Amino acid sequence: RAFVKGPSPLTITLCSNRLPNPSVDIPQVLTHELIHVYDVQFNQLDLRQCTSLAYSEVRAAREAECLNVHRFWKNKCVRDCAEVATGNMFTERGLGAKCVKEVFEEAMKDHTPFAEKKKESVAKPKGSAGHVTANTTVAAAAASSSSWTPSSR
């Protein structure tokens, strides 16, 4: 559906032919890919390393594909998505799952940059400027983009 290419410049490519429901898919995919960009830029992760990619995939799945999954199923959803994504890049049998298992607990606790935003919004009254989560911002930007149309390719 999308991928990050880099290292310089880091770019996100969306595959419009794989985004059948733009109002749902674009915010989800952008959130997922922007987490990878954040991890490369600020957490200094090298996504060519299995455990680094697995760490980033866990974080991205938690905030994108599995964001609205009931808490009872969330860990399974995140683990499954991260294992598939990591396994697609590291194709040796079982390696993706092994890397995800190694970093899963630590990655699930890492909520940056969203944790930083939450701290800021707690300090400000609810009606003050800046009280918007990153997911809401991405969704609003995607929804207001009237120029985007799915490609027939």
C-alpha atoms as a PDB file:
ATOM      1  CA  ARG A   1       0.000   0.000   0.000  1.00  0.00           C
ATOM      2  CA  ALA A   2       2.922   2.332   0.695  1.00  0.00           C
ATOM      3  CA  PHE A   3       6.613   2.405   1.539  1.00  0.00           C
ATOM      4  CA  VAL A   4       9.371   4.666   2.823  1.00  0.00           C
ATOM      5  CA  LYS A   5      12.391   5.142   0.613  1.00  0.00           C
ATOM      6  CA  GLY A   6      15.609   6.732   1.710  1.00  0.00           C
ATOM      7  CA  PRO A   7      17.912   7.550   3.290  1.00  0.00           C
ATOM      8  CA  SER A   8      18.240  10.961   1.673  1.00  0.00           C
ATOM      9  CA  PRO A   9      15.735  12.286   1.100  1.00  0.00           C
ATOM     10  CA  LEU A  10      13.302  10.137   3.052  1.00  0.00           C
ATOM     11  CA  THR A  11      10.166   9.840   0.950  1.00  0.00           C
ATOM     12  CA  ILE A  12       6.821   8.128   1.369  1.00  0.00           C
ATOM     13  CA  THR A  13       5.276   6.583  -1.715  1.00  0.00           C
ATOM     14  CA  LEU A  14       1.579   5.721  -1.683  1.00  0.00           C
ATOM     15  CA  CYS A  15       0.358   3.099  -4.152  1.00  0.00           C
ATOM     16  CA  SER A  16      -3.042   4.510  -5.071  1.00  0.00           C
ATOM     17  CA  ASN A  17      -4.133   1.317  -6.806  1.00  0.00           C
ATOM     18  CA  ARG A  18      -3.823  -0.423  -3.416  1.00  0.00           C
ATOM     19  CA  LEU A  19      -5.851   2.144  -1.466  1.00  0.00           C
ATOM     20  CA  PRO A  20      -9.468   1.330  -2.393  1.00  0.00           C
ATOM     21  CA  ASN A  21     -11.054   3.421   0.391  1.00  0.00           C
ATOM     22  CA  PRO A  22      -9.056   6.688   0.489  1.00  0.00           C
ATOM     23  CA  SER A  23     -10.846   8.256   3.458  1.00  0.00           C
ATOM     24  CA  VAL A  24      -9.855   5.274   5.628  1.00  0.00           C
ATOM     25  CA  ASP A  25      -6.711   4.026   3.911  1.00  0.00           C
ATOM     26  CA  ILE A  26      -4.758   7.263   3.442  1.00  0.00           C
ATOM     27  CA  PRO A  27      -4.768   8.390   7.104  1.00  0.00           C
ATOM     28  CA  GLN A  28      -3.884   4.849   8.209  1.00  0.00           C
ATOM     29  CA  VAL A  29      -1.079   4.423   5.685  1.00  0.00           C
ATOM     30  CA  LEU A  30       0.360   7.889   6.307  1.00  0.00           C
ATOM     31  CA  THR A  31       0.345   7.328  10.059  1.00  0.00           C
ATOM     32  CA  HIS A  32       2.101   3.972   9.582  1.00  0.00           C
ATOM     33  CA  GLU A  33       4.755   5.350   7.229  1.00  0.00           C
ATOM     34  CA  LEU A  34       5.313   8.552   9.217  1.00  0.00           C
ATOM     35  CA  ILE A  35       6.145   6.432  12.252  1.00  0.00           C
ATOM     36  CA  HIS A  36       8.875   4.765  10.188  1.00  0.00           C
ATOM     37  CA  VAL A  37      10.182   8.195   9.139  1.00  0.00           C
ATOM     38  CA  TYR A  38      10.147   9.330  12.772  1.00  0.00           C
ATOM     39  CA  ASP A  39      12.017   6.191  13.825  1.00  0.00           C
ATOM     40  CA  VAL A  40      14.691   6.745  11.185  1.00  0.00           C
ATOM     41  CA  GLN A  41      15.092  10.473  11.833  1.00  0.00           C
ATOM     42  CA  PHE A  42      14.695  10.744  15.604  1.00  0.00           C
ATOM     43  CA  ASN A  43      15.225   7.238  17.012  1.00  0.00           C
ATOM     44  CA  GLN A  44      18.122   6.655  14.594  1.00  0.00           C
ATOM     45  CA  LEU A  45      16.822   3.215  13.592  1.00  0.00           C
ATOM     46  CA  ASP A  46      18.312   1.482  10.575  1.00  0.00           C
ATOM     47  CA  LEU A  47      15.313  -0.255   9.002  1.00  0.00           C
ATOM     48  CA  ARG A  48      17.689  -2.517   7.089  1.00  0.00           C
ATOM     49  CA  GLN A  49      18.333  -4.313  10.406  1.00  0.00           C
ATOM     50  CA  CYS A  50      15.740  -6.925  11.351  1.00  0.00           C
ATOM     51  CA  THR A  51      15.201  -5.896  14.970  1.00  0.00           C
ATOM     52  CA  SER A  52      15.100  -2.183  14.079  1.00  0.00           C
ATOM     53  CA  LEU A  53      12.503  -2.802  11.393  1.00  0.00           C
ATOM     54  CA  ALA A  54      10.508  -5.044  13.736  1.00  0.00           C
ATOM     55  CA  TYR A  55      10.566  -2.340  16.427  1.00  0.00           C
ATOM     56  CA  SER A  56       9.280   0.261  13.981  1.00  0.00           C
ATOM     57  CA  GLU A  57       6.668  -2.116  12.531  1.00  0.00           C
ATOM     58  CA  VAL A  58       5.274  -2.846  16.007  1.00  0.00           C
ATOM     59  CA  ARG A  59       4.921   0.875  16.700  1.00  0.00           C
ATOM     60  CA  ALA A  60       3.431   1.576  13.268  1.00  0.00           C
ATOM     61  CA  ALA A  61       0.891  -1.271  13.445  1.00  0.00           C
ATOM     62  CA  ARG A  62      -0.196  -0.212  16.938  1.00  0.00           C
ATOM     63  CA  GLU A  63      -0.945   3.354  15.772  1.00  0.00           C
ATOM     64  CA  ALA A  64      -2.347   2.518  12.322  1.00  0.00           C
ATOM     65  CA  GLU A  65      -3.790  -0.886  11.386  1.00  0.00           C
ATOM     66  CA  CYS A  66      -4.565  -1.872  14.987  1.00  0.00           C
ATOM     67  CA  LEU A  67      -5.468   1.547  16.406  1.00  0.00           C
ATOM     68  CA  ASN A  68      -9.178   0.846  16.826  1.00  0.00           C
ATOM     69  CA  VAL A  69      -8.909  -2.856  17.651  1.00  0.00           C
ATOM     70  CA  HIS A  70     -10.408  -3.844  21.016  1.00  0.00           C
ATOM     71  CA  ARG A  71      -7.720  -4.003  23.708  1.00  0.00           C
ATOM     72  CA  PHE A  72      -8.350  -7.741  24.139  1.00  0.00           C
ATOM     73  CA  TRP A  73      -7.110  -8.351  20.556  1.00  0.00           C
ATOM     74  CA  LYS A  74      -4.711  -5.419  20.140  1.00  0.00           C
ATOM     75  CA  ASN A  75      -1.456  -7.253  21.002  1.00  0.00           C
ATOM     76  CA  LYS A  76      -2.316 -10.087  18.613  1.00  0.00           C
ATOM     77  CA  CYS A  77      -3.193  -7.617  15.852  1.00  0.00           C
ATOM     78  CA  VAL A  78       0.032  -5.664  16.340  1.00  0.00           C
ATOM     79  CA  ARG A  79       2.174  -8.793  16.551  1.00  0.00           C
ATOM     80  CA  ASP A  80       0.585 -10.323  13.423  1.00  0.00           C
ATOM     81  CA  CYS A  81       0.936  -7.129  11.353  1.00  0.00           C
ATOM     82  CA  ALA A  82       4.525  -6.556  12.481  1.00  0.00           C
ATOM     83  CA  GLU A  83       5.523 -10.170  11.807  1.00  0.00           C
ATOM     84  CA  VAL A  84       4.101 -10.062   8.267  1.00  0.00           C
ATOM     85  CA  ALA A  85       5.730  -6.709   7.457  1.00  0.00           C
ATOM     86  CA  THR A  86       9.103  -7.689   8.931  1.00  0.00           C
ATOM     87  CA  GLY A  87       8.910 -11.135   7.325  1.00  0.00           C
ATOM     88  CA  ASN A  88       8.337  -9.520   3.918  1.00  0.00           C
ATOM     89  CA  MET A  89      11.722  -7.807   4.196  1.00  0.00           C
ATOM     90  CA  PHE A  90      13.587 -10.590   6.023  1.00  0.00           C
ATOM     91  CA  THR A  91      12.451 -13.681   4.176  1.00  0.00           C
ATOM     92  CA  GLU A  92      14.482 -16.333   5.992  1.00  0.00           C
ATOM     93  CA  ARG A  93      11.891 -18.655   7.527  1.00  0.00           C
ATOM     94  CA  GLY A  94      10.728 -17.381  10.904  1.00  0.00           C
ATOM     95  CA  LEU A  95      13.214 -14.505  11.093  1.00  0.00           C
ATOM     96  CA  GLY A  96      10.560 -11.752  11.026  1.00  0.00           C
ATOM     97  CA  ALA A  97       8.627 -13.351  13.891  1.00  0.00           C
ATOM     98  CA  LYS A  98      11.852 -13.875  15.857  1.00  0.00           C
ATOM     99  CA  CYS A  99      12.818 -10.196  15.504  1.00  0.00           C
ATOM    100  CA  VAL A 100       9.323  -9.033  16.479  1.00  0.00           C
ATOM    101  CA  LYS A 101       9.344 -11.288  19.544  1.00  0.00           C
ATOM    102  CA  GLU A 102      12.700  -9.851  20.605  1.00  0.00           C
ATOM    103  CA  VAL A 103      11.525  -6.203  20.577  1.00  0.00           C
ATOM    104  CA  PHE A 104       7.745  -6.468  21.077  1.00  0.00           C
ATOM    105  CA  GLU A 105       7.393  -5.484  24.745  1.00  0.00           C
ATOM    106  CA  GLU A 106       9.794  -2.544  24.515  1.00  0.00           C
ATOM    107  CA  ALA A 107       8.269  -1.268  21.256  1.00  0.00           C
ATOM    108  CA  MET A 108       4.728  -1.460  22.658  1.00  0.00           C
ATOM    109  CA  LYS A 109       5.793   0.870  25.487  1.00  0.00           C
ATOM    110  CA  ASP A 110       7.303   3.451  23.112  1.00  0.00           C
ATOM    111  CA  HIS A 111       4.591   5.963  22.203  1.00  0.00           C
ATOM    112  CA  THR A 112       6.801   8.718  20.793  1.00  0.00           C
ATOM    113  CA  PRO A 113       5.998  11.139  19.236  1.00  0.00           C
ATOM    114  CA  PHE A 114       2.391  10.722  20.417  1.00  0.00           C
ATOM    115  CA  ALA A 115       3.355  10.522  24.092  1.00  0.00           C
ATOM    116  CA  GLU A 116       5.009  13.929  23.785  1.00  0.00           C
ATOM    117  CA  LYS A 117       1.837  15.369  22.247  1.00  0.00           C
ATOM    118  CA  LYS A 118      -0.287  13.853  25.011  1.00  0.00           C
ATOM    119  CA  LYS A 119       1.920  15.480  27.664  1.00  0.00           C
ATOM    120  CA  GLU A 120       1.519  18.850  25.924  1.00  0.00           C
ATOM    121  CA  SER A 121      -2.259  18.508  25.620  1.00  0.00           C
ATOM    122  CA  VAL A 122      -2.598  17.519  29.287  1.00  0.00           C
ATOM    123  CA  ALA A 123      -0.867  20.743  30.273  1.00  0.00           C
ATOM    124  CA  LYS A 124      -3.199  22.865  28.107  1.00  0.00           C
ATOM    125  CA  PRO A 125      -6.919  23.405  28.633  1.00  0.00           C
ATOM    126  CA  LYS A 126      -9.044  21.341  26.280  1.00  0.00           C
ATOM    127  CA  GLY A 127     -10.119  24.263  24.096  1.00  0.00           C
ATOM    128  CA  SER A 128      -6.637  25.700  23.607  1.00  0.00           C
ATOM    129  CA  ALA A 129      -4.697  25.571  20.377  1.00  0.00           C
ATOM    130  CA  GLY A 130      -2.603  22.492  19.776  1.00  0.00           C
ATOM    131  CA  HIS A 131      -5.069  20.051  21.359  1.00  0.00           C
ATOM    132  CA  VAL A 132      -5.196  17.766  18.334  1.00  0.00           C
ATOM    133  CA  THR A 133      -3.676  14.319  18.173  1.00  0.00           C
ATOM    134  CA  ALA A 134      -1.391  13.389  15.302  1.00  0.00           C
ATOM    135  CA  ASN A 135      -3.877  10.779  14.071  1.00  0.00           C
ATOM    136  CA  THR A 136      -6.630  13.387  13.912  1.00  0.00           C
ATOM    137  CA  THR A 137      -4.337  15.795  12.086  1.00  0.00           C
ATOM    138  CA  VAL A 138      -3.370  13.201   9.481  1.00  0.00           C
ATOM    139  CA  ALA A 139      -7.014  12.191   9.002  1.00  0.00           C
ATOM    140  CA  ALA A 140      -8.137  15.807   8.619  1.00  0.00           C
ATOM    141  CA  ALA A 141      -5.399  16.551   6.095  1.00  0.00           C
ATOM    142  CA  ALA A 142      -6.284  13.487   4.037  1.00  0.00           C
ATOM    143  CA  ALA A 143     -10.024  14.204   4.184  1.00  0.00           C
ATOM    144  CA  SER A 144      -9.560  17.805   3.051  1.00  0.00           C
ATOM    145  CA  SER A 145      -7.441  16.810   0.052  1.00  0.00           C
ATOM    146  CA  SER A 146      -9.944  17.057  -2.761  1.00  0.00           C
ATOM    147  CA  SER A 147      -7.291  16.759  -5.462  1.00  0.00           C
ATOM    148  CA  TRP A 148      -6.398  13.149  -4.688  1.00  0.00           C
ATOM    149  CA  THR A 149      -8.137  10.523  -6.781  1.00  0.00           C
ATOM    150  CA  PRO A 150      -7.388   6.819  -7.065  1.00  0.00           C
ATOM    151  CA  SER A 151      -5.312   5.871 -10.060  1.00  0.00           C
ATOM    152  CA  SER A 152      -6.660   3.385 -12.591  1.00  0.00           C
ATOM    153  CA  ARG A 153      -3.197   1.799 -12.858  1.00  0.00           C
END
